[in-house]
Amino acid sequence: PARSLKLGEAGSAAVARLFLITAKPVLYVANVAESDLKGESP
């Protein structure tokens, strides 16, 4: 993903102007059944 790309200041600024989707931070939301509210499933 673009978020793990390491460039210099100018290069990073140039890529940032493209607003790449994979440059955005991600939070994973595990949608579980009511029987697994603590998220203990495989």
PDB file of all heavy atoms in Angstrom:
ATOM      1  N   PRO A   1       0.824  -1.209   0.000  1.00  0.00           N
ATOM      2  CA  PRO A   1       0.000   0.000   0.000  1.00  0.00           C
ATOM      3  C   PRO A   1       0.854   1.253   0.000  1.00  0.00           C
ATOM      4  O   PRO A   1       1.991   1.261   0.490  1.00  0.00           O
ATOM      5  CB  PRO A   1      -0.792  -0.121   1.307  1.00  0.00           C
ATOM      6  CG  PRO A   1       0.104  -0.915   2.206  1.00  0.00           C
ATOM      7  CD  PRO A   1       0.797  -1.904   1.309  1.00  0.00           C
ATOM      8  N   ALA A   2       0.304   2.333  -0.518  1.00  0.00           N
ATOM      9  CA  ALA A   2       1.048   3.589  -0.605  1.00  0.00           C
ATOM     10  C   ALA A   2       1.435   4.128   0.758  1.00  0.00           C
ATOM     11  O   ALA A   2       2.421   4.855   0.888  1.00  0.00           O
ATOM     12  CB  ALA A   2       0.212   4.625  -1.359  1.00  0.00           C
ATOM     13  N   ARG A   3       0.693   3.749   1.818  1.00  0.00           N
ATOM     14  CA  ARG A   3       1.012   4.268   3.151  1.00  0.00           C
ATOM     15  C   ARG A   3       2.378   3.791   3.650  1.00  0.00           C
ATOM     16  O   ARG A   3       2.952   4.415   4.539  1.00  0.00           O
ATOM     17  CB  ARG A   3      -0.084   3.898   4.148  1.00  0.00           C
ATOM     18  CG  ARG A   3      -0.145   2.439   4.560  1.00  0.00           C
ATOM     19  CD  ARG A   3      -1.325   2.158   5.488  1.00  0.00           C
ATOM     20  NE  ARG A   3      -2.584   2.274   4.774  1.00  0.00           N
ATOM     21  CZ  ARG A   3      -3.174   1.248   4.171  1.00  0.00           C
ATOM     22  NH1 ARG A   3      -2.625   0.048   4.183  1.00  0.00           N
ATOM     23  NH2 ARG A   3      -4.312   1.415   3.527  1.00  0.00           N
ATOM     24  N   SER A   4       2.908   2.710   3.083  1.00  0.00           N
ATOM     25  CA  SER A   4       4.214   2.207   3.516  1.00  0.00           C
ATOM     26  C   SER A   4       5.350   2.673   2.609  1.00  0.00           C
ATOM     27  O   SER A   4       6.505   2.289   2.799  1.00  0.00           O
ATOM     28  CB  SER A   4       4.200   0.676   3.575  1.00  0.00           C
ATOM     29  OG  SER A   4       3.996   0.109   2.279  1.00  0.00           O
ATOM     30  N   LEU A   5       5.029   3.521   1.629  1.00  0.00           N
ATOM     31  CA  LEU A   5       6.048   4.034   0.707  1.00  0.00           C
ATOM     32  C   LEU A   5       6.896   5.101   1.401  1.00  0.00           C
ATOM     33  O   LEU A   5       6.367   6.027   2.009  1.00  0.00           O
ATOM     34  CB  LEU A   5       5.368   4.627  -0.528  1.00  0.00           C
ATOM     35  CG  LEU A   5       6.270   5.283  -1.578  1.00  0.00           C
ATOM     36  CD1 LEU A   5       7.229   4.282  -2.183  1.00  0.00           C
ATOM     37  CD2 LEU A   5       5.411   5.946  -2.660  1.00  0.00           C
ATOM     38  N   LYS A   6       8.208   4.969   1.340  1.00  0.00           N
ATOM     39  CA  LYS A   6       9.126   5.919   1.959  1.00  0.00           C
ATOM     40  C   LYS A   6       9.849   6.716   0.865  1.00  0.00           C
ATOM     41  O   LYS A   6      10.602   6.148   0.074  1.00  0.00           O
ATOM     42  CB  LYS A   6      10.152   5.200   2.836  1.00  0.00           C
ATOM     43  CG  LYS A   6       9.549   4.297   3.910  1.00  0.00           C
ATOM     44  CD  LYS A   6       8.700   5.091   4.900  1.00  0.00           C
ATOM     45  CE  LYS A   6       8.124   4.166   5.983  1.00  0.00           C
ATOM     46  NZ  LYS A   6       7.213   4.899   6.889  1.00  0.00           N
ATOM     47  N   LEU A   7       9.598   8.015   0.853  1.00  0.00           N
ATOM     48  CA  LEU A   7      10.257   8.905  -0.092  1.00  0.00           C
ATOM     49  C   LEU A   7      10.779  10.120   0.664  1.00  0.00           C
ATOM     50  O   LEU A   7      10.452  10.328   1.832  1.00  0.00           O
ATOM     51  CB  LEU A   7       9.268   9.363  -1.171  1.00  0.00           C
ATOM     52  CG  LEU A   7       8.703   8.298  -2.117  1.00  0.00           C
ATOM     53  CD1 LEU A   7       7.587   8.892  -2.964  1.00  0.00           C
ATOM     54  CD2 LEU A   7       9.808   7.732  -3.000  1.00  0.00           C
ATOM     55  N   GLY A   8      11.562  10.942  -0.013  1.00  0.00           N
ATOM     56  CA  GLY A   8      12.001  12.190   0.586  1.00  0.00           C
ATOM     57  C   GLY A   8      10.838  13.160   0.718  1.00  0.00           C
ATOM     58  O   GLY A   8       9.715  12.886   0.261  1.00  0.00           O
ATOM     59  N   GLU A   9      11.100  14.314   1.310  1.00  0.00           N
ATOM     60  CA  GLU A   9      10.040  15.286   1.566  1.00  0.00           C
ATOM     61  C   GLU A   9       9.340  15.726   0.288  1.00  0.00           C
ATOM     62  O   GLU A   9       8.106  15.747   0.214  1.00  0.00           O
ATOM     63  CB  GLU A   9      10.630  16.504   2.283  1.00  0.00           C
ATOM     64  CG  GLU A   9       9.591  17.537   2.693  1.00  0.00           C
ATOM     65  CD  GLU A   9      10.183  18.689   3.486  1.00  0.00           C
ATOM     66  OE1 GLU A   9      11.334  18.575   3.940  1.00  0.00           O
ATOM     67  OE2 GLU A   9       9.489  19.712   3.639  1.00  0.00           O
ATOM     68  N   ALA A  10      10.111  16.047  -0.741  1.00  0.00           N
ATOM     69  CA  ALA A  10       9.516  16.518  -1.987  1.00  0.00           C
ATOM     70  C   ALA A  10       8.732  15.407  -2.680  1.00  0.00           C
ATOM     71  O   ALA A  10       7.625  15.616  -3.191  1.00  0.00           O
ATOM     72  CB  ALA A  10      10.591  17.063  -2.917  1.00  0.00           C
ATOM     73  N   GLY A  11       9.308  14.202  -2.700  1.00  0.00           N
ATOM     74  CA  GLY A  11       8.632  13.076  -3.333  1.00  0.00           C
ATOM     75  C   GLY A  11       7.345  12.709  -2.615  1.00  0.00           C
ATOM     76  O   GLY A  11       6.324  12.432  -3.253  1.00  0.00           O
ATOM     77  N   SER A  12       7.396  12.728  -1.285  1.00  0.00           N
ATOM     78  CA  SER A  12       6.194  12.425  -0.503  1.00  0.00           C
ATOM     79  C   SER A  12       5.109  13.452  -0.759  1.00  0.00           C
ATOM     80  O   SER A  12       3.925  13.112  -0.874  1.00  0.00           O
ATOM     81  CB  SER A  12       6.535  12.395   0.989  1.00  0.00           C
ATOM     82  OG  SER A  12       7.427  11.332   1.278  1.00  0.00           O
ATOM     83  N   ALA A  13       5.509  14.721  -0.867  1.00  0.00           N
ATOM     84  CA  ALA A  13       4.536  15.777  -1.126  1.00  0.00           C
ATOM     85  C   ALA A  13       3.890  15.603  -2.496  1.00  0.00           C
ATOM     86  O   ALA A  13       2.681  15.817  -2.668  1.00  0.00           O
ATOM     87  CB  ALA A  13       5.210  17.139  -1.019  1.00  0.00           C
ATOM     88  N   ALA A  14       4.691  15.204  -3.479  1.00  0.00           N
ATOM     89  CA  ALA A  14       4.160  15.008  -4.828  1.00  0.00           C
ATOM     90  C   ALA A  14       3.140  13.872  -4.856  1.00  0.00           C
ATOM     91  O   ALA A  14       2.058  14.000  -5.435  1.00  0.00           O
ATOM     92  CB  ALA A  14       5.302  14.723  -5.800  1.00  0.00           C
ATOM     93  N   VAL A  15       3.491  12.756  -4.208  1.00  0.00           N
ATOM     94  CA  VAL A  15       2.578  11.605  -4.177  1.00  0.00           C
ATOM     95  C   VAL A  15       1.328  11.938  -3.370  1.00  0.00           C
ATOM     96  O   VAL A  15       0.219  11.508  -3.712  1.00  0.00           O
ATOM     97  CB  VAL A  15       3.294  10.369  -3.605  1.00  0.00           C
ATOM     98  CG1 VAL A  15       2.310   9.218  -3.405  1.00  0.00           C
ATOM     99  CG2 VAL A  15       4.424   9.925  -4.544  1.00  0.00           C
ATOM    100  N   ALA A  16       1.482  12.722  -2.298  1.00  0.00           N
ATOM    101  CA  ALA A  16       0.330  13.089  -1.465  1.00  0.00           C
ATOM    102  C   ALA A  16      -0.723  13.829  -2.271  1.00  0.00           C
ATOM    103  O   ALA A  16      -1.928  13.707  -2.008  1.00  0.00           O
ATOM    104  CB  ALA A  16       0.785  13.930  -0.285  1.00  0.00           C
ATOM    105  N   ARG A  17      -0.277  14.594  -3.268  1.00  0.00           N
ATOM    106  CA  ARG A  17      -1.218  15.364  -4.082  1.00  0.00           C
ATOM    107  C   ARG A  17      -2.095  14.475  -4.963  1.00  0.00           C
ATOM    108  O   ARG A  17      -3.079  14.943  -5.546  1.00  0.00           O
ATOM    109  CB  ARG A  17      -0.458  16.372  -4.947  1.00  0.00           C
ATOM    110  CG  ARG A  17       0.133  17.533  -4.145  1.00  0.00           C
ATOM    111  CD  ARG A  17       0.596  18.658  -5.046  1.00  0.00           C
ATOM    112  NE  ARG A  17       1.778  18.316  -5.820  1.00  0.00           N
ATOM    113  CZ  ARG A  17       3.034  18.486  -5.404  1.00  0.00           C
ATOM    114  NH1 ARG A  17       3.274  18.984  -4.190  1.00  0.00           N
ATOM    115  NH2 ARG A  17       4.058  18.162  -6.177  1.00  0.00           N
ATOM    116  N   LEU A  18      -1.762  13.194  -5.059  1.00  0.00           N
ATOM    117  CA  LEU A  18      -2.567  12.258  -5.845  1.00  0.00           C
ATOM    118  C   LEU A  18      -3.730  11.692  -5.028  1.00  0.00           C
ATOM    119  O   LEU A  18      -4.606  11.035  -5.584  1.00  0.00           O
ATOM    120  CB  LEU A  18      -1.699  11.109  -6.366  1.00  0.00           C
ATOM    121  CG  LEU A  18      -0.525  11.490  -7.273  1.00  0.00           C
ATOM    122  CD1 LEU A  18       0.223  10.238  -7.716  1.00  0.00           C
ATOM    123  CD2 LEU A  18      -0.991  12.296  -8.475  1.00  0.00           C
ATOM    124  N   PHE A  19      -3.705  11.904  -3.712  1.00  0.00           N
ATOM    125  CA  PHE A  19      -4.763  11.411  -2.819  1.00  0.00           C
ATOM    126  C   PHE A  19      -5.016   9.911  -3.019  1.00  0.00           C
ATOM    127  O   PHE A  19      -6.159   9.473  -3.211  1.00  0.00           O
ATOM    128  CB  PHE A  19      -6.064  12.202  -3.025  1.00  0.00           C
ATOM    129  CG  PHE A  19      -5.934  13.657  -2.710  1.00  0.00           C
ATOM    130  CD1 PHE A  19      -5.778  14.588  -3.732  1.00  0.00           C
ATOM    131  CD2 PHE A  19      -5.931  14.100  -1.402  1.00  0.00           C
ATOM    132  CE1 PHE A  19      -5.640  15.942  -3.445  1.00  0.00           C
ATOM    133  CE2 PHE A  19      -5.793  15.453  -1.109  1.00  0.00           C
ATOM    134  CZ  PHE A  19      -5.645  16.368  -2.120  1.00  0.00           C
ATOM    135  N   LEU A  20      -3.946   9.136  -2.974  1.00  0.00           N
ATOM    136  CA  LEU A  20      -4.067   7.696  -3.169  1.00  0.00           C
ATOM    137  C   LEU A  20      -4.854   7.057  -2.031  1.00  0.00           C
ATOM    138  O   LEU A  20      -4.661   7.377  -0.856  1.00  0.00           O
ATOM    139  CB  LEU A  20      -2.676   7.062  -3.275  1.00  0.00           C
ATOM    140  CG  LEU A  20      -1.812   7.559  -4.443  1.00  0.00           C
ATOM    141  CD1 LEU A  20      -0.467   6.851  -4.441  1.00  0.00           C
ATOM    142  CD2 LEU A  20      -2.532   7.360  -5.783  1.00  0.00           C
ATOM    143  N   ILE A  21      -5.716   6.135  -2.388  1.00  0.00           N
ATOM    144  CA  ILE A  21      -6.581   5.500  -1.387  1.00  0.00           C
ATOM    145  C   ILE A  21      -5.762   4.672  -0.404  1.00  0.00           C
ATOM    146  O   ILE A  21      -6.012   4.695   0.800  1.00  0.00           O
ATOM    147  CB  ILE A  21      -7.639   4.617  -2.081  1.00  0.00           C
ATOM    148  CG1 ILE A  21      -8.532   5.470  -2.985  1.00  0.00           C
ATOM    149  CG2 ILE A  21      -8.484   3.893  -1.043  1.00  0.00           C
ATOM    150  CD1 ILE A  21      -9.457   4.655  -3.856  1.00  0.00           C
ATOM    151  N   THR A  22      -4.771   3.933  -0.910  1.00  0.00           N
ATOM    152  CA  THR A  22      -4.003   3.053  -0.027  1.00  0.00           C
ATOM    153  C   THR A  22      -2.990   3.818   0.819  1.00  0.00           C
ATOM    154  O   THR A  22      -2.280   3.220   1.616  1.00  0.00           O
ATOM    155  CB  THR A  22      -3.281   1.949  -0.821  1.00  0.00           C
ATOM    156  OG1 THR A  22      -2.302   2.551  -1.699  1.00  0.00           O
ATOM    157  CG2 THR A  22      -4.256   1.119  -1.625  1.00  0.00           C
ATOM    158  N   ALA A  23      -2.945   5.137   0.657  1.00  0.00           N
ATOM    159  CA  ALA A  23      -2.113   5.950   1.545  1.00  0.00           C
ATOM    160  C   ALA A  23      -2.839   6.261   2.849  1.00  0.00           C
ATOM    161  O   ALA A  23      -2.223   6.685   3.827  1.00  0.00           O
ATOM    162  CB  ALA A  23      -1.710   7.246   0.851  1.00  0.00           C
ATOM    163  N   LYS A  24      -4.142   6.051   2.876  1.00  0.00           N
ATOM    164  CA  LYS A  24      -4.938   6.384   4.053  1.00  0.00           C
ATOM    165  C   LYS A  24      -4.757   5.320   5.141  1.00  0.00           C
ATOM    166  O   LYS A  24      -4.653   4.138   4.840  1.00  0.00           O
ATOM    167  CB  LYS A  24      -6.419   6.491   3.675  1.00  0.00           C
ATOM    168  CG  LYS A  24      -6.705   7.503   2.580  1.00  0.00           C
ATOM    169  CD  LYS A  24      -8.170   7.527   2.211  1.00  0.00           C
ATOM    170  CE  LYS A  24      -8.396   8.385   0.963  1.00  0.00           C
ATOM    171  NZ  LYS A  24      -7.987   9.777   1.149  1.00  0.00           N
ATOM    172  N   PRO A  25      -4.749   5.731   6.406  1.00  0.00           N
ATOM    173  CA  PRO A  25      -4.680   4.735   7.488  1.00  0.00           C
ATOM    174  C   PRO A  25      -5.948   3.899   7.515  1.00  0.00           C
ATOM    175  O   PRO A  25      -7.021   4.363   7.126  1.00  0.00           O
ATOM    176  CB  PRO A  25      -4.537   5.595   8.755  1.00  0.00           C
ATOM    177  CG  PRO A  25      -5.139   6.920   8.378  1.00  0.00           C
ATOM    178  CD  PRO A  25      -4.828   7.109   6.917  1.00  0.00           C
ATOM    179  N   VAL A  26      -5.817   2.656   7.981  1.00  0.00           N
ATOM    180  CA  VAL A  26      -6.940   1.717   7.979  1.00  0.00           C
ATOM    181  C   VAL A  26      -7.191   1.175   9.386  1.00  0.00           C
ATOM    182  O   VAL A  26      -6.247   0.855  10.123  1.00  0.00           O
ATOM    183  CB  VAL A  26      -6.669   0.535   7.028  1.00  0.00           C
ATOM    184  CG1 VAL A  26      -7.817  -0.476   7.088  1.00  0.00           C
ATOM    185  CG2 VAL A  26      -6.485   1.012   5.603  1.00  0.00           C
ATOM    186  N   LEU A  27      -8.461   1.077   9.735  1.00  0.00           N
ATOM    187  CA  LEU A  27      -8.885   0.392  10.950  1.00  0.00           C
ATOM    188  C   LEU A  27      -9.777  -0.764  10.512  1.00  0.00           C
ATOM    189  O   LEU A  27     -10.760  -0.558   9.792  1.00  0.00           O
ATOM    190  CB  LEU A  27      -9.666   1.351  11.857  1.00  0.00           C
ATOM    191  CG  LEU A  27     -10.271   0.762  13.132  1.00  0.00           C
ATOM    192  CD1 LEU A  27      -9.179   0.321  14.096  1.00  0.00           C
ATOM    193  CD2 LEU A  27     -11.193   1.785  13.803  1.00  0.00           C
ATOM    194  N   TYR A  28      -9.426  -1.984  10.907  1.00  0.00           N
ATOM    195  CA  TYR A  28     -10.229  -3.156  10.533  1.00  0.00           C
ATOM    196  C   TYR A  28     -11.334  -3.363  11.569  1.00  0.00           C
ATOM    197  O   TYR A  28     -11.086  -3.340  12.776  1.00  0.00           O
ATOM    198  CB  TYR A  28      -9.349  -4.405  10.419  1.00  0.00           C
ATOM    199  CG  TYR A  28      -8.375  -4.297   9.270  1.00  0.00           C
ATOM    200  CD1 TYR A  28      -7.076  -3.844   9.473  1.00  0.00           C
ATOM    201  CD2 TYR A  28      -8.768  -4.603   7.974  1.00  0.00           C
ATOM    202  CE1 TYR A  28      -6.190  -3.706   8.424  1.00  0.00           C
ATOM    203  CE2 TYR A  28      -7.891  -4.470   6.909  1.00  0.00           C
ATOM    204  CZ  TYR A  28      -6.598  -4.021   7.139  1.00  0.00           C
ATOM    205  OH  TYR A  28      -5.732  -3.877   6.090  1.00  0.00           O
ATOM    206  N   VAL A  29     -12.555  -3.554  11.067  1.00  0.00           N
ATOM    207  CA  VAL A  29     -13.718  -3.743  11.931  1.00  0.00           C
ATOM    208  C   VAL A  29     -14.209  -5.168  11.729  1.00  0.00           C
ATOM    209  O   VAL A  29     -14.758  -5.500  10.672  1.00  0.00           O
ATOM    210  CB  VAL A  29     -14.837  -2.749  11.582  1.00  0.00           C
ATOM    211  CG1 VAL A  29     -16.009  -2.908  12.557  1.00  0.00           C
ATOM    212  CG2 VAL A  29     -14.303  -1.314  11.626  1.00  0.00           C
ATOM    213  N   ALA A  30     -13.969  -6.025  12.713  1.00  0.00           N
ATOM    214  CA  ALA A  30     -14.381  -7.422  12.633  1.00  0.00           C
ATOM    215  C   ALA A  30     -15.836  -7.528  13.079  1.00  0.00           C
ATOM    216  O   ALA A  30     -16.146  -7.355  14.263  1.00  0.00           O
ATOM    217  CB  ALA A  30     -13.478  -8.287  13.506  1.00  0.00           C
ATOM    218  N   ASN A  31     -16.719  -7.790  12.132  1.00  0.00           N
ATOM    219  CA  ASN A  31     -18.145  -7.904  12.433  1.00  0.00           C
ATOM    220  C   ASN A  31     -18.454  -9.344  12.818  1.00  0.00           C
ATOM    221  O   ASN A  31     -18.355 -10.260  11.982  1.00  0.00           O
ATOM    222  CB  ASN A  31     -18.971  -7.493  11.212  1.00  0.00           C
ATOM    223  CG  ASN A  31     -20.462  -7.482  11.496  1.00  0.00           C
ATOM    224  OD1 ASN A  31     -20.888  -7.457  12.649  1.00  0.00           O
ATOM    225  ND2 ASN A  31     -21.262  -7.509  10.437  1.00  0.00           N
ATOM    226  N   VAL A  32     -18.807  -9.553  14.084  1.00  0.00           N
ATOM    227  CA  VAL A  32     -18.971 -10.909  14.623  1.00  0.00           C
ATOM    228  C   VAL A  32     -20.430 -11.197  14.947  1.00  0.00           C
ATOM    229  O   VAL A  32     -21.284 -10.298  14.947  1.00  0.00           O
ATOM    230  CB  VAL A  32     -18.116 -11.094  15.898  1.00  0.00           C
ATOM    231  CG1 VAL A  32     -16.645 -10.889  15.590  1.00  0.00           C
ATOM    232  CG2 VAL A  32     -18.572 -10.136  17.007  1.00  0.00           C
ATOM    233  N   ALA A  33     -20.711 -12.456  15.261  1.00  0.00           N
ATOM    234  CA  ALA A  33     -22.042 -12.854  15.717  1.00  0.00           C
ATOM    235  C   ALA A  33     -22.208 -12.453  17.180  1.00  0.00           C
ATOM    236  O   ALA A  33     -21.224 -12.221  17.894  1.00  0.00           O
ATOM    237  CB  ALA A  33     -22.209 -14.367  15.566  1.00  0.00           C
ATOM    238  N   GLU A  34     -23.464 -12.386  17.650  1.00  0.00           N
ATOM    239  CA  GLU A  34     -23.714 -12.041  19.048  1.00  0.00           C
ATOM    240  C   GLU A  34     -23.095 -13.047  19.997  1.00  0.00           C
ATOM    241  O   GLU A  34     -22.823 -12.716  21.156  1.00  0.00           O
ATOM    242  CB  GLU A  34     -25.225 -11.939  19.301  1.00  0.00           C
ATOM    243  CG  GLU A  34     -25.863 -10.694  18.716  1.00  0.00           C
ATOM    244  CD  GLU A  34     -27.289 -10.494  19.187  1.00  0.00           C
ATOM    245  OE1 GLU A  34     -27.573 -10.843  20.359  1.00  0.00           O
ATOM    246  OE2 GLU A  34     -28.108  -9.996  18.399  1.00  0.00           O
ATOM    247  N   SER A  35     -22.855 -14.251  19.526  1.00  0.00           N
ATOM    248  CA  SER A  35     -22.256 -15.286  20.366  1.00  0.00           C
ATOM    249  C   SER A  35     -20.734 -15.161  20.465  1.00  0.00           C
ATOM    250  O   SER A  35     -20.094 -15.924  21.181  1.00  0.00           O
ATOM    251  CB  SER A  35     -22.599 -16.674  19.807  1.00  0.00           C
ATOM    252  OG  SER A  35     -22.129 -16.804  18.464  1.00  0.00           O
ATOM    253  N   ASP A  36     -20.150 -14.178  19.772  1.00  0.00           N
ATOM    254  CA  ASP A  36     -18.685 -14.026  19.763  1.00  0.00           C
ATOM    255  C   ASP A  36     -18.294 -12.561  19.974  1.00  0.00           C
ATOM    256  O   ASP A  36     -17.442 -12.027  19.281  1.00  0.00           O
ATOM    257  CB  ASP A  36     -18.115 -14.550  18.433  1.00  0.00           C
ATOM    258  CG  ASP A  36     -16.592 -14.578  18.420  1.00  0.00           C
ATOM    259  OD1 ASP A  36     -15.978 -14.803  19.489  1.00  0.00           O
ATOM    260  OD2 ASP A  36     -16.014 -14.344  17.339  1.00  0.00           O
ATOM    261  N   LEU A  37     -18.908 -11.913  20.957  1.00  0.00           N
ATOM    262  CA  LEU A  37     -18.675 -10.491  21.164  1.00  0.00           C
ATOM    263  C   LEU A  37     -17.247 -10.173  21.593  1.00  0.00           C
ATOM    264  O   LEU A  37     -16.775  -9.049  21.422  1.00  0.00           O
ATOM    265  CB  LEU A  37     -19.664  -9.940  22.204  1.00  0.00           C
ATOM    266  CG  LEU A  37     -21.140  -9.977  21.790  1.00  0.00           C
ATOM    267  CD1 LEU A  37     -22.015  -9.422  22.900  1.00  0.00           C
ATOM    268  CD2 LEU A  37     -21.363  -9.200  20.495  1.00  0.00           C
ATOM    269  N   LYS A  38     -16.552 -11.149  22.153  1.00  0.00           N
ATOM    270  CA  LYS A  38     -15.165 -10.914  22.550  1.00  0.00           C
ATOM    271  C   LYS A  38     -14.181 -11.240  21.424  1.00  0.00           C
ATOM    272  O   LYS A  38     -12.973 -11.086  21.585  1.00  0.00           O
ATOM    273  CB  LYS A  38     -14.822 -11.730  23.796  1.00  0.00           C
ATOM    274  CG  LYS A  38     -15.588 -11.272  25.040  1.00  0.00           C
ATOM    275  CD  LYS A  38     -15.159 -12.034  26.281  1.00  0.00           C
ATOM    276  CE  LYS A  38     -15.906 -11.527  27.511  1.00  0.00           C
ATOM    277  NZ  LYS A  38     -15.518 -12.279  28.742  1.00  0.00           N
ATOM    278  N   GLY A  39     -14.699 -11.693  20.298  1.00  0.00           N
ATOM    279  CA  GLY A  39     -13.852 -11.953  19.139  1.00  0.00           C
ATOM    280  C   GLY A  39     -12.876 -13.096  19.338  1.00  0.00           C
ATOM    281  O   GLY A  39     -11.687 -12.951  19.067  1.00  0.00           O
ATOM    282  N   GLU A  40     -13.394 -14.247  19.759  1.00  0.00           N
ATOM    283  CA  GLU A  40     -12.524 -15.393  20.044  1.00  0.00           C
ATOM    284  C   GLU A  40     -12.522 -16.425  18.926  1.00  0.00           C
ATOM    285  O   GLU A  40     -11.882 -17.470  19.044  1.00  0.00           O
ATOM    286  CB  GLU A  40     -12.961 -16.042  21.368  1.00  0.00           C
ATOM    287  CG  GLU A  40     -12.815 -15.097  22.562  1.00  0.00           C
ATOM    288  CD  GLU A  40     -13.370 -15.677  23.847  1.00  0.00           C
ATOM    289  OE1 GLU A  40     -14.212 -16.607  23.746  1.00  0.00           O
ATOM    290  OE2 GLU A  40     -12.968 -15.228  24.935  1.00  0.00           O
ATOM    291  N   SER A  41     -13.210 -16.141  17.822  1.00  0.00           N
ATOM    292  CA  SER A  41     -13.297 -17.110  16.732  1.00  0.00           C
ATOM    293  C   SER A  41     -12.017 -17.101  15.892  1.00  0.00           C
ATOM    294  O   SER A  41     -11.258 -16.129  15.895  1.00  0.00           O
ATOM    295  CB  SER A  41     -14.486 -16.775  15.831  1.00  0.00           C
ATOM    296  OG  SER A  41     -14.220 -15.588  15.090  1.00  0.00           O
ATOM    297  N   PRO A  42     -11.784 -18.181  15.145  1.00  0.00           N
ATOM    298  CA  PRO A  42     -10.630 -18.218  14.228  1.00  0.00           C
ATOM    299  C   PRO A  42     -10.691 -17.104  13.179  1.00  0.00           C
ATOM    300  O   PRO A  42      -9.651 -16.605  12.756  1.00  0.00           O
ATOM    301  CB  PRO A  42     -10.745 -19.602  13.573  1.00  0.00           C
ATOM    302  CG  PRO A  42     -11.496 -20.430  14.554  1.00  0.00           C
ATOM    303  CD  PRO A  42     -12.480 -19.481  15.198  1.00  0.00           C
TER     304      PRO A  42
END
